[in-house]
């Protein structure tokens, strides 16, 4: 059985720093919300998923790193999803471009 290396972890303060950009991304269409939408989107720069997601889905999304996608896991997406009114989402992605660059900078600015 092939196992993937652990994903980088993000904490709530990191998500809170990125949350203001999530609202902009939702309006512009650059923020992709939900597993089905993330699976369908090929031009992602960033994926953030909850650590409680199934092992199969975790492995599937972790494979996107091969294409240069940054994939992070968090205990809860709530600090980010509250900003867009989607408390039910367990996976979000951000399309390549300036918004993704800004969100990555805020997520890693801790």
PDB file of N, CA and C in Angstrom:
ATOM      1  N   UNK A   1       0.849  -1.190   0.000  1.00  0.00           N
ATOM      2  CA  UNK A   1       0.000   0.000   0.000  1.00  0.00           C
ATOM      3  C   UNK A   1       0.883   1.238   0.000  1.00  0.00           C
ATOM      4  N   UNK A   2       0.591   2.164  -0.863  1.00  0.00           N
ATOM      5  CA  UNK A   2       1.359   3.392  -0.965  1.00  0.00           C
ATOM      6  C   UNK A   2       0.777   4.429  -0.007  1.00  0.00           C
ATOM      7  N   UNK A   3       1.631   5.024   0.807  1.00  0.00           N
ATOM      8  CA  UNK A   3       1.173   6.080   1.704  1.00  0.00           C
ATOM      9  C   UNK A   3       1.796   7.392   1.269  1.00  0.00           C
ATOM     10  N   UNK A   4       1.103   8.461   1.498  1.00  0.00           N
ATOM     11  CA  UNK A   4       1.619   9.770   1.140  1.00  0.00           C
ATOM     12  C   UNK A   4       2.238  10.412   2.365  1.00  0.00           C
ATOM     13  N   UNK A   5       3.185  11.290   2.123  1.00  0.00           N
ATOM     14  CA  UNK A   5       3.776  12.009   3.238  1.00  0.00           C
ATOM     15  C   UNK A   5       2.741  12.953   3.830  1.00  0.00           C
ATOM     16  N   UNK A   6       2.866  13.279   5.105  1.00  0.00           N
ATOM     17  CA  UNK A   6       1.881  14.146   5.753  1.00  0.00           C
ATOM     18  C   UNK A   6       1.819  15.523   5.078  1.00  0.00           C
ATOM     19  N   UNK A   7       0.634  16.076   5.069  1.00  0.00           N
ATOM     20  CA  UNK A   7       0.455  17.415   4.520  1.00  0.00           C
ATOM     21  C   UNK A   7       0.865  18.456   5.548  1.00  0.00           C
ATOM     22  N   UNK A   8       1.206  19.627   5.068  1.00  0.00           N
ATOM     23  CA  UNK A   8       1.504  20.729   5.966  1.00  0.00           C
ATOM     24  C   UNK A   8       0.239  21.130   6.705  1.00  0.00           C
ATOM     25  N   UNK A   9       0.394  21.465   7.961  1.00  0.00           N
ATOM     26  CA  UNK A   9      -0.738  21.849   8.810  1.00  0.00           C
ATOM     27  C   UNK A   9      -0.860  23.368   8.860  1.00  0.00           C
ATOM     28  N   UNK A  10      -2.085  23.839   8.891  1.00  0.00           N
ATOM     29  CA  UNK A  10      -2.372  25.254   9.123  1.00  0.00           C
ATOM     30  C   UNK A  10      -3.179  25.364  10.403  1.00  0.00           C
ATOM     31  N   UNK A  11      -3.041  26.487  11.090  1.00  0.00           N
ATOM     32  CA  UNK A  11      -3.820  26.706  12.300  1.00  0.00           C
ATOM     33  C   UNK A  11      -4.891  27.770  12.054  1.00  0.00           C
ATOM     34  N   UNK A  12      -5.762  27.941  13.034  1.00  0.00           N
ATOM     35  CA  UNK A  12      -6.867  28.901  12.909  1.00  0.00           C
ATOM     36  C   UNK A  12      -6.383  30.324  12.632  1.00  0.00           C
ATOM     37  N   UNK A  13      -5.326  30.823  13.299  1.00  0.00           N
ATOM     38  CA  UNK A  13      -4.871  32.183  12.982  1.00  0.00           C
ATOM     39  C   UNK A  13      -4.452  32.356  11.512  1.00  0.00           C
ATOM     40  N   UNK A  14      -3.859  31.334  10.921  1.00  0.00           N
ATOM     41  CA  UNK A  14      -3.479  31.416   9.504  1.00  0.00           C
ATOM     42  C   UNK A  14      -4.726  31.561   8.635  1.00  0.00           C
ATOM     43  N   UNK A  15      -5.744  30.773   8.930  1.00  0.00           N
ATOM     44  CA  UNK A  15      -6.986  30.867   8.162  1.00  0.00           C
ATOM     45  C   UNK A  15      -7.665  32.214   8.366  1.00  0.00           C
ATOM     46  N   UNK A  16      -7.602  32.731   9.579  1.00  0.00           N
ATOM     47  CA  UNK A  16      -8.196  34.039   9.853  1.00  0.00           C
ATOM     48  C   UNK A  16      -7.504  35.144   9.058  1.00  0.00           C
ATOM     49  N   UNK A  17      -6.185  35.036   8.883  1.00  0.00           N
ATOM     50  CA  UNK A  17      -5.452  36.023   8.076  1.00  0.00           C
ATOM     51  C   UNK A  17      -5.889  35.979   6.616  1.00  0.00           C
ATOM     52  N   UNK A  18      -6.221  34.794   6.121  1.00  0.00           N
ATOM     53  CA  UNK A  18      -6.609  34.633   4.718  1.00  0.00           C
ATOM     54  C   UNK A  18      -8.102  34.872   4.476  1.00  0.00           C
ATOM     55  N   UNK A  19      -8.902  34.850   5.521  1.00  0.00           N
ATOM     56  CA  UNK A  19     -10.362  34.937   5.393  1.00  0.00           C
ATOM     57  C   UNK A  19     -10.848  36.164   4.614  1.00  0.00           C
ATOM     58  N   UNK A  20     -10.278  37.356   4.819  1.00  0.00           N
ATOM     59  CA  UNK A  20     -10.780  38.498   4.044  1.00  0.00           C
ATOM     60  C   UNK A  20     -10.651  38.304   2.529  1.00  0.00           C
ATOM     61  N   UNK A  21      -9.626  37.586   2.112  1.00  0.00           N
ATOM     62  CA  UNK A  21      -9.452  37.331   0.685  1.00  0.00           C
ATOM     63  C   UNK A  21     -10.419  36.269   0.167  1.00  0.00           C
ATOM     64  N   UNK A  22     -10.911  35.409   1.051  1.00  0.00           N
ATOM     65  CA  UNK A  22     -11.850  34.364   0.638  1.00  0.00           C
ATOM     66  C   UNK A  22     -13.137  34.965   0.085  1.00  0.00           C
ATOM     67  N   UNK A  23     -13.622  36.009   0.733  1.00  0.00           N
ATOM     68  CA  UNK A  23     -14.835  36.668   0.248  1.00  0.00           C
ATOM     69  C   UNK A  23     -14.653  37.252  -1.138  1.00  0.00           C
ATOM     70  N   UNK A  24     -13.507  37.844  -1.378  1.00  0.00           N
ATOM     71  CA  UNK A  24     -13.192  38.394  -2.699  1.00  0.00           C
ATOM     72  C   UNK A  24     -13.131  37.255  -3.722  1.00  0.00           C
ATOM     73  N   UNK A  25     -12.466  36.170  -3.336  1.00  0.00           N
ATOM     74  CA  UNK A  25     -12.333  35.031  -4.236  1.00  0.00           C
ATOM     75  C   UNK A  25     -13.655  34.372  -4.561  1.00  0.00           C
ATOM     76  N   UNK A  26     -14.546  34.333  -3.605  1.00  0.00           N
ATOM     77  CA  UNK A  26     -15.870  33.745  -3.829  1.00  0.00           C
ATOM     78  C   UNK A  26     -16.626  34.560  -4.866  1.00  0.00           C
ATOM     79  N   UNK A  27     -16.549  35.887  -4.748  1.00  0.00           N
ATOM     80  CA  UNK A  27     -17.247  36.768  -5.690  1.00  0.00           C
ATOM     81  C   UNK A  27     -16.634  36.715  -7.084  1.00  0.00           C
ATOM     82  N   UNK A  28     -15.305  36.598  -7.153  1.00  0.00           N
ATOM     83  CA  UNK A  28     -14.620  36.595  -8.451  1.00  0.00           C
ATOM     84  C   UNK A  28     -14.640  35.225  -9.128  1.00  0.00           C
ATOM     85  N   UNK A  29     -14.966  34.183  -8.366  1.00  0.00           N
ATOM     86  CA  UNK A  29     -14.954  32.835  -8.916  1.00  0.00           C
ATOM     87  C   UNK A  29     -13.611  32.139  -8.779  1.00  0.00           C
ATOM     88  N   UNK A  30     -12.652  32.790  -8.132  1.00  0.00           N
ATOM     89  CA  UNK A  30     -11.329  32.190  -7.950  1.00  0.00           C
ATOM     90  C   UNK A  30     -11.262  31.250  -6.760  1.00  0.00           C
ATOM     91  N   UNK A  31     -12.226  31.336  -5.854  1.00  0.00           N
ATOM     92  CA  UNK A  31     -12.302  30.419  -4.710  1.00  0.00           C
ATOM     93  C   UNK A  31     -13.275  29.302  -5.079  1.00  0.00           C
ATOM     94  N   UNK A  32     -12.818  28.076  -4.991  1.00  0.00           N
ATOM     95  CA  UNK A  32     -13.611  26.907  -5.352  1.00  0.00           C
ATOM     96  C   UNK A  32     -13.994  26.204  -4.050  1.00  0.00           C
ATOM     97  N   UNK A  33     -15.287  26.019  -3.828  1.00  0.00           N
ATOM     98  CA  UNK A  33     -15.765  25.504  -2.553  1.00  0.00           C
ATOM     99  C   UNK A  33     -16.412  24.131  -2.734  1.00  0.00           C
ATOM    100  N   UNK A  34     -15.952  23.181  -1.925  1.00  0.00           N
ATOM    101  CA  UNK A  34     -16.525  21.845  -1.930  1.00  0.00           C
ATOM    102  C   UNK A  34     -15.693  20.853  -2.718  1.00  0.00           C
ATOM    103  N   UNK A  35     -15.794  19.604  -2.315  1.00  0.00           N
ATOM    104  CA  UNK A  35     -14.982  18.550  -2.907  1.00  0.00           C
ATOM    105  C   UNK A  35     -15.251  18.377  -4.401  1.00  0.00           C
ATOM    106  N   UNK A  36     -16.504  18.338  -4.805  1.00  0.00           N
ATOM    107  CA  UNK A  36     -16.825  18.137  -6.223  1.00  0.00           C
ATOM    108  C   UNK A  36     -16.240  19.240  -7.086  1.00  0.00           C
ATOM    109  N   UNK A  37     -16.371  20.479  -6.627  1.00  0.00           N
ATOM    110  CA  UNK A  37     -15.842  21.610  -7.399  1.00  0.00           C
ATOM    111  C   UNK A  37     -14.315  21.568  -7.469  1.00  0.00           C
ATOM    112  N   UNK A  38     -13.672  21.209  -6.365  1.00  0.00           N
ATOM    113  CA  UNK A  38     -12.213  21.112  -6.351  1.00  0.00           C
ATOM    114  C   UNK A  38     -11.763  20.001  -7.306  1.00  0.00           C
ATOM    115  N   UNK A  39     -12.464  18.888  -7.296  1.00  0.00           N
ATOM    116  CA  UNK A  39     -12.108  17.782  -8.200  1.00  0.00           C
ATOM    117  C   UNK A  39     -12.205  18.196  -9.672  1.00  0.00           C
ATOM    118  N   UNK A  40     -13.174  19.032 -10.011  1.00  0.00           N
ATOM    119  CA  UNK A  40     -13.391  19.437 -11.405  1.00  0.00           C
ATOM    120  C   UNK A  40     -12.445  20.537 -11.877  1.00  0.00           C
ATOM    121  N   UNK A  41     -11.795  21.223 -10.954  1.00  0.00           N
ATOM    122  CA  UNK A  41     -10.981  22.382 -11.309  1.00  0.00           C
ATOM    123  C   UNK A  41      -9.525  21.980 -11.473  1.00  0.00           C
ATOM    124  N   UNK A  42      -8.967  22.246 -12.632  1.00  0.00           N
ATOM    125  CA  UNK A  42      -7.604  21.822 -12.936  1.00  0.00           C
ATOM    126  C   UNK A  42      -6.556  22.890 -12.648  1.00  0.00           C
ATOM    127  N   UNK A  43      -6.903  24.148 -12.687  1.00  0.00           N
ATOM    128  CA  UNK A  43      -5.904  25.218 -12.569  1.00  0.00           C
ATOM    129  C   UNK A  43      -5.784  25.768 -11.146  1.00  0.00           C
ATOM    130  N   UNK A  44      -5.721  24.882 -10.160  1.00  0.00           N
ATOM    131  CA  UNK A  44      -5.623  25.306  -8.770  1.00  0.00           C
ATOM    132  C   UNK A  44      -4.173  25.558  -8.361  1.00  0.00           C
ATOM    133  N   UNK A  45      -3.999  26.538  -7.502  1.00  0.00           N
ATOM    134  CA  UNK A  45      -2.697  26.813  -6.900  1.00  0.00           C
ATOM    135  C   UNK A  45      -2.657  26.302  -5.470  1.00  0.00           C
ATOM    136  N   UNK A  46      -3.829  26.198  -4.846  1.00  0.00           N
ATOM    137  CA  UNK A  46      -3.919  25.920  -3.418  1.00  0.00           C
ATOM    138  C   UNK A  46      -5.169  25.109  -3.117  1.00  0.00           C
ATOM    139  N   UNK A  47      -5.022  24.121  -2.240  1.00  0.00           N
ATOM    140  CA  UNK A  47      -6.152  23.368  -1.698  1.00  0.00           C
ATOM    141  C   UNK A  47      -5.968  23.324  -0.185  1.00  0.00           C
ATOM    142  N   UNK A  48      -7.060  23.582   0.539  1.00  0.00           N
ATOM    143  CA  UNK A  48      -7.064  23.441   1.993  1.00  0.00           C
ATOM    144  C   UNK A  48      -8.195  22.476   2.332  1.00  0.00           C
ATOM    145  N   UNK A  49      -7.854  21.437   3.093  1.00  0.00           N
ATOM    146  CA  UNK A  49      -8.850  20.434   3.448  1.00  0.00           C
ATOM    147  C   UNK A  49      -8.819  20.165   4.941  1.00  0.00           C
ATOM    148  N   UNK A  50      -9.957  19.751   5.452  1.00  0.00           N
ATOM    149  CA  UNK A  50     -10.031  19.398   6.874  1.00  0.00           C
ATOM    150  C   UNK A  50      -9.367  18.046   7.091  1.00  0.00           C
ATOM    151  N   UNK A  51      -8.663  17.921   8.195  1.00  0.00           N
ATOM    152  CA  UNK A  51      -7.942  16.686   8.502  1.00  0.00           C
ATOM    153  C   UNK A  51      -8.888  15.511   8.740  1.00  0.00           C
ATOM    154  N   UNK A  52     -10.155  15.777   9.021  1.00  0.00           N
ATOM    155  CA  UNK A  52     -11.129  14.709   9.274  1.00  0.00           C
ATOM    156  C   UNK A  52     -11.690  14.095   7.993  1.00  0.00           C
ATOM    157  N   UNK A  53     -11.283  14.594   6.855  1.00  0.00           N
ATOM    158  CA  UNK A  53     -11.774  14.078   5.577  1.00  0.00           C
ATOM    159  C   UNK A  53     -11.311  12.624   5.410  1.00  0.00           C
ATOM    160  N   UNK A  54     -11.990  11.851   4.622  1.00  0.00           N
ATOM    161  CA  UNK A  54     -11.656  10.433   4.480  1.00  0.00           C
ATOM    162  C   UNK A  54     -10.225  10.233   3.963  1.00  0.00           C
ATOM    163  N   UNK A  55      -9.653   9.108   4.328  1.00  0.00           N
ATOM    164  CA  UNK A  55      -8.285   8.779   3.909  1.00  0.00           C
ATOM    165  C   UNK A  55      -8.172   8.766   2.382  1.00  0.00           C
ATOM    166  N   UNK A  56      -9.151   8.189   1.716  1.00  0.00           N
ATOM    167  CA  UNK A  56      -9.137   8.119   0.252  1.00  0.00           C
ATOM    168  C   UNK A  56      -9.108   9.523  -0.361  1.00  0.00           C
ATOM    169  N   UNK A  57      -9.971  10.400   0.119  1.00  0.00           N
ATOM    170  CA  UNK A  57     -10.025  11.763  -0.405  1.00  0.00           C
ATOM    171  C   UNK A  57      -8.746  12.516  -0.072  1.00  0.00           C
ATOM    172  N   UNK A  58      -8.242  12.324   1.123  1.00  0.00           N
ATOM    173  CA  UNK A  58      -6.986  12.950   1.533  1.00  0.00           C
ATOM    174  C   UNK A  58      -5.875  12.560   0.556  1.00  0.00           C
ATOM    175  N   UNK A  59      -5.763  11.272   0.258  1.00  0.00           N
ATOM    176  CA  UNK A  59      -4.735  10.777  -0.653  1.00  0.00           C
ATOM    177  C   UNK A  59      -4.935  11.332  -2.065  1.00  0.00           C
ATOM    178  N   UNK A  60      -6.177  11.343  -2.515  1.00  0.00           N
ATOM    179  CA  UNK A  60      -6.502  11.865  -3.849  1.00  0.00           C
ATOM    180  C   UNK A  60      -6.070  13.324  -3.987  1.00  0.00           C
ATOM    181  N   UNK A  61      -6.412  14.147  -3.014  1.00  0.00           N
ATOM    182  CA  UNK A  61      -6.075  15.567  -3.096  1.00  0.00           C
ATOM    183  C   UNK A  61      -4.581  15.803  -2.893  1.00  0.00           C
ATOM    184  N   UNK A  62      -3.949  15.001  -2.062  1.00  0.00           N
ATOM    185  CA  UNK A  62      -2.505  15.132  -1.841  1.00  0.00           C
ATOM    186  C   UNK A  62      -1.733  14.889  -3.137  1.00  0.00           C
ATOM    187  N   UNK A  63      -2.262  14.052  -4.017  1.00  0.00           N
ATOM    188  CA  UNK A  63      -1.607  13.786  -5.305  1.00  0.00           C
ATOM    189  C   UNK A  63      -1.513  15.031  -6.178  1.00  0.00           C
ATOM    190  N   UNK A  64      -2.354  16.004  -5.926  1.00  0.00           N
ATOM    191  CA  UNK A  64      -2.324  17.233  -6.730  1.00  0.00           C
ATOM    192  C   UNK A  64      -1.024  18.007  -6.520  1.00  0.00           C
ATOM    193  N   UNK A  65      -0.289  17.672  -5.451  1.00  0.00           N
ATOM    194  CA  UNK A  65       1.004  18.318  -5.218  1.00  0.00           C
ATOM    195  C   UNK A  65       1.956  18.056  -6.377  1.00  0.00           C
ATOM    196  N   UNK A  66       1.812  16.909  -7.038  1.00  0.00           N
ATOM    197  CA  UNK A  66       2.665  16.579  -8.190  1.00  0.00           C
ATOM    198  C   UNK A  66       2.539  17.615  -9.299  1.00  0.00           C
ATOM    199  N   UNK A  67       1.389  18.261  -9.373  1.00  0.00           N
ATOM    200  CA  UNK A  67       1.134  19.284 -10.384  1.00  0.00           C
ATOM    201  C   UNK A  67       1.475  20.680  -9.863  1.00  0.00           C
ATOM    202  N   UNK A  68       2.123  20.749  -8.713  1.00  0.00           N
ATOM    203  CA  UNK A  68       2.529  22.034  -8.164  1.00  0.00           C
ATOM    204  C   UNK A  68       1.499  22.720  -7.285  1.00  0.00           C
ATOM    205  N   UNK A  69       0.429  22.028  -6.944  1.00  0.00           N
ATOM    206  CA  UNK A  69      -0.600  22.597  -6.081  1.00  0.00           C
ATOM    207  C   UNK A  69      -0.140  22.480  -4.628  1.00  0.00           C
ATOM    208  N   UNK A  70      -0.228  23.566  -3.875  1.00  0.00           N
ATOM    209  CA  UNK A  70       0.039  23.513  -2.436  1.00  0.00           C
ATOM    210  C   UNK A  70      -1.200  22.934  -1.760  1.00  0.00           C
ATOM    211  N   UNK A  71      -1.004  21.905  -0.965  1.00  0.00           N
ATOM    212  CA  UNK A  71      -2.123  21.259  -0.282  1.00  0.00           C
ATOM    213  C   UNK A  71      -1.856  21.291   1.216  1.00  0.00           C
ATOM    214  N   UNK A  72      -2.765  21.921   1.938  1.00  0.00           N
ATOM    215  CA  UNK A  72      -2.654  22.050   3.388  1.00  0.00           C
ATOM    216  C   UNK A  72      -3.846  21.367   4.036  1.00  0.00           C
ATOM    217  N   UNK A  73      -3.652  20.925   5.283  1.00  0.00           N
ATOM    218  CA  UNK A  73      -4.781  20.426   6.061  1.00  0.00           C
ATOM    219  C   UNK A  73      -4.934  21.251   7.326  1.00  0.00           C
ATOM    220  N   UNK A  74      -6.166  21.301   7.797  1.00  0.00           N
ATOM    221  CA  UNK A  74      -6.503  22.057   8.999  1.00  0.00           C
ATOM    222  C   UNK A  74      -7.458  21.227   9.842  1.00  0.00           C
ATOM    223  N   UNK A  75      -7.514  21.533  11.125  1.00  0.00           N
ATOM    224  CA  UNK A  75      -8.495  20.860  11.983  1.00  0.00           C
ATOM    225  C   UNK A  75      -9.910  21.263  11.583  1.00  0.00           C
ATOM    226  N   UNK A  76     -10.097  22.558  11.280  1.00  0.00           N
ATOM    227  CA  UNK A  76     -11.406  23.063  10.898  1.00  0.00           C
ATOM    228  C   UNK A  76     -11.247  24.211   9.909  1.00  0.00           C
ATOM    229  N   UNK A  77     -12.050  24.199   8.869  1.00  0.00           N
ATOM    230  CA  UNK A  77     -12.050  25.289   7.886  1.00  0.00           C
ATOM    231  C   UNK A  77     -12.903  26.474   8.339  1.00  0.00           C
ATOM    232  N   UNK A  78     -13.552  26.368   9.480  1.00  0.00           N
ATOM    233  CA  UNK A  78     -14.504  27.390   9.929  1.00  0.00           C
ATOM    234  C   UNK A  78     -13.990  28.828   9.870  1.00  0.00           C
ATOM    235  N   UNK A  79     -12.751  29.110  10.290  1.00  0.00           N
ATOM    236  CA  UNK A  79     -12.308  30.503  10.199  1.00  0.00           C
ATOM    237  C   UNK A  79     -12.329  31.051   8.770  1.00  0.00           C
ATOM    238  N   UNK A  80     -12.154  30.187   7.797  1.00  0.00           N
ATOM    239  CA  UNK A  80     -12.157  30.610   6.400  1.00  0.00           C
ATOM    240  C   UNK A  80     -13.564  30.569   5.809  1.00  0.00           C
ATOM    241  N   UNK A  81     -14.283  29.487   6.053  1.00  0.00           N
ATOM    242  CA  UNK A  81     -15.601  29.332   5.432  1.00  0.00           C
ATOM    243  C   UNK A  81     -16.660  30.250   6.036  1.00  0.00           C
ATOM    244  N   UNK A  82     -16.458  30.689   7.267  1.00  0.00           N
ATOM    245  CA  UNK A  82     -17.402  31.639   7.867  1.00  0.00           C
ATOM    246  C   UNK A  82     -17.423  32.941   7.069  1.00  0.00           C
ATOM    247  N   UNK A  83     -16.296  33.304   6.505  1.00  0.00           N
ATOM    248  CA  UNK A  83     -16.201  34.544   5.723  1.00  0.00           C
ATOM    249  C   UNK A  83     -16.999  34.478   4.430  1.00  0.00           C
ATOM    250  N   UNK A  84     -17.316  33.264   3.965  1.00  0.00           N
ATOM    251  CA  UNK A  84     -18.059  33.128   2.714  1.00  0.00           C
ATOM    252  C   UNK A  84     -19.447  32.530   2.927  1.00  0.00           C
ATOM    253  N   UNK A  85     -19.811  32.321   4.196  1.00  0.00           N
ATOM    254  CA  UNK A  85     -21.140  31.807   4.504  1.00  0.00           C
ATOM    255  C   UNK A  85     -21.343  30.346   4.127  1.00  0.00           C
ATOM    256  N   UNK A  86     -20.298  29.544   4.164  1.00  0.00           N
ATOM    257  CA  UNK A  86     -20.391  28.119   3.805  1.00  0.00           C
ATOM    258  C   UNK A  86     -19.762  27.259   4.894  1.00  0.00           C
ATOM    259  N   UNK A  87     -20.382  27.198   6.039  1.00  0.00           N
ATOM    260  CA  UNK A  87     -19.860  26.432   7.168  1.00  0.00           C
ATOM    261  C   UNK A  87     -19.793  24.931   6.885  1.00  0.00           C
ATOM    262  N   UNK A  88     -20.487  24.457   5.857  1.00  0.00           N
ATOM    263  CA  UNK A  88     -20.535  23.029   5.568  1.00  0.00           C
ATOM    264  C   UNK A  88     -19.342  22.530   4.748  1.00  0.00           C
ATOM    265  N   UNK A  89     -18.556  23.417   4.174  1.00  0.00           N
ATOM    266  CA  UNK A  89     -17.458  23.022   3.289  1.00  0.00           C
ATOM    267  C   UNK A  89     -16.306  22.393   4.078  1.00  0.00           C
ATOM    268  N   UNK A  90     -15.759  21.316   3.546  1.00  0.00           N
ATOM    269  CA  UNK A  90     -14.611  20.649   4.169  1.00  0.00           C
ATOM    270  C   UNK A  90     -13.374  20.720   3.287  1.00  0.00           C
ATOM    271  N   UNK A  91     -13.552  21.256   2.062  1.00  0.00           N
ATOM    272  CA  UNK A  91     -12.449  21.424   1.119  1.00  0.00           C
ATOM    273  C   UNK A  91     -12.670  22.722   0.359  1.00  0.00           C
ATOM    274  N   UNK A  92     -11.609  23.521   0.225  1.00  0.00           N
ATOM    275  CA  UNK A  92     -11.650  24.691  -0.646  1.00  0.00           C
ATOM    276  C   UNK A  92     -10.381  24.705  -1.487  1.00  0.00           C
ATOM    277  N   UNK A  93     -10.503  25.305  -2.648  1.00  0.00           N
ATOM    278  CA  UNK A  93      -9.358  25.473  -3.527  1.00  0.00           C
ATOM    279  C   UNK A  93      -9.319  26.900  -4.017  1.00  0.00           C
ATOM    280  N   UNK A  94      -8.157  27.320  -4.485  1.00  0.00           N
ATOM    281  CA  UNK A  94      -7.996  28.663  -5.034  1.00  0.00           C
ATOM    282  C   UNK A  94      -7.301  28.530  -6.386  1.00  0.00           C
ATOM    283  N   UNK A  95      -7.906  29.128  -7.405  1.00  0.00           N
ATOM    284  CA  UNK A  95      -7.339  29.081  -8.749  1.00  0.00           C
ATOM    285  C   UNK A  95      -6.044  29.887  -8.807  1.00  0.00           C
ATOM    286  N   UNK A  96      -5.166  29.487  -9.713  1.00  0.00           N
ATOM    287  CA  UNK A  96      -3.899  30.191  -9.907  1.00  0.00           C
ATOM    288  C   UNK A  96      -4.151  31.653 -10.264  1.00  0.00           C
ATOM    289  N   UNK A  97      -3.295  32.530  -9.726  1.00  0.00           N
ATOM    290  CA  UNK A  97      -3.401  33.947 -10.025  1.00  0.00           C
ATOM    291  C   UNK A  97      -3.094  34.789  -8.806  1.00  0.00           C
ATOM    292  N   UNK A  98      -3.341  36.088  -8.919  1.00  0.00           N
ATOM    293  CA  UNK A  98      -3.003  37.009  -7.827  1.00  0.00           C
ATOM    294  C   UNK A  98      -3.704  36.701  -6.505  1.00  0.00           C
ATOM    295  N   UNK A  99      -4.954  36.265  -6.561  1.00  0.00           N
ATOM    296  CA  UNK A  99      -5.660  35.946  -5.318  1.00  0.00           C
ATOM    297  C   UNK A  99      -4.967  34.788  -4.605  1.00  0.00           C
ATOM    298  N   UNK A 100      -4.614  33.761  -5.353  1.00  0.00           N
ATOM    299  CA  UNK A 100      -3.922  32.615  -4.755  1.00  0.00           C
ATOM    300  C   UNK A 100      -2.600  33.047  -4.142  1.00  0.00           C
ATOM    301  N   UNK A 101      -1.858  33.883  -4.842  1.00  0.00           N
ATOM    302  CA  UNK A 101      -0.580  34.366  -4.317  1.00  0.00           C
ATOM    303  C   UNK A 101      -0.776  35.114  -3.010  1.00  0.00           C
ATOM    304  N   UNK A 102      -1.808  35.954  -2.944  1.00  0.00           N
ATOM    305  CA  UNK A 102      -2.104  36.701  -1.722  1.00  0.00           C
ATOM    306  C   UNK A 102      -2.531  35.797  -0.581  1.00  0.00           C
ATOM    307  N   UNK A 103      -3.366  34.808  -0.891  1.00  0.00           N
ATOM    308  CA  UNK A 103      -3.809  33.888   0.164  1.00  0.00           C
ATOM    309  C   UNK A 103      -2.655  33.050   0.674  1.00  0.00           C
ATOM    310  N   UNK A 104      -1.817  32.559  -0.217  1.00  0.00           N
ATOM    311  CA  UNK A 104      -0.657  31.755   0.205  1.00  0.00           C
ATOM    312  C   UNK A 104       0.249  32.577   1.099  1.00  0.00           C
ATOM    313  N   UNK A 105       0.481  33.827   0.733  1.00  0.00           N
ATOM    314  CA  UNK A 105       1.332  34.698   1.550  1.00  0.00           C
ATOM    315  C   UNK A 105       0.736  34.864   2.950  1.00  0.00           C
ATOM    316  N   UNK A 106      -0.570  35.067   3.031  1.00  0.00           N
ATOM    317  CA  UNK A 106      -1.214  35.237   4.345  1.00  0.00           C
ATOM    318  C   UNK A 106      -1.216  33.948   5.158  1.00  0.00           C
ATOM    319  N   UNK A 107      -1.407  32.824   4.490  1.00  0.00           N
ATOM    320  CA  UNK A 107      -1.420  31.542   5.194  1.00  0.00           C
ATOM    321  C   UNK A 107      -0.047  31.204   5.772  1.00  0.00           C
ATOM    322  N   UNK A 108       1.007  31.589   5.070  1.00  0.00           N
ATOM    323  CA  UNK A 108       2.357  31.235   5.484  1.00  0.00           C
ATOM    324  C   UNK A 108       3.043  32.352   6.265  1.00  0.00           C
ATOM    325  N   UNK A 109       2.323  33.409   6.546  1.00  0.00           N
ATOM    326  CA  UNK A 109       2.914  34.587   7.186  1.00  0.00           C
ATOM    327  C   UNK A 109       3.006  34.475   8.698  1.00  0.00           C
ATOM    328  N   UNK A 110       2.790  33.306   9.252  1.00  0.00           N
ATOM    329  CA  UNK A 110       2.776  33.128  10.698  1.00  0.00           C
ATOM    330  C   UNK A 110       4.122  33.159  11.258  1.00  0.00           C
TER     331      UNK A 110
END
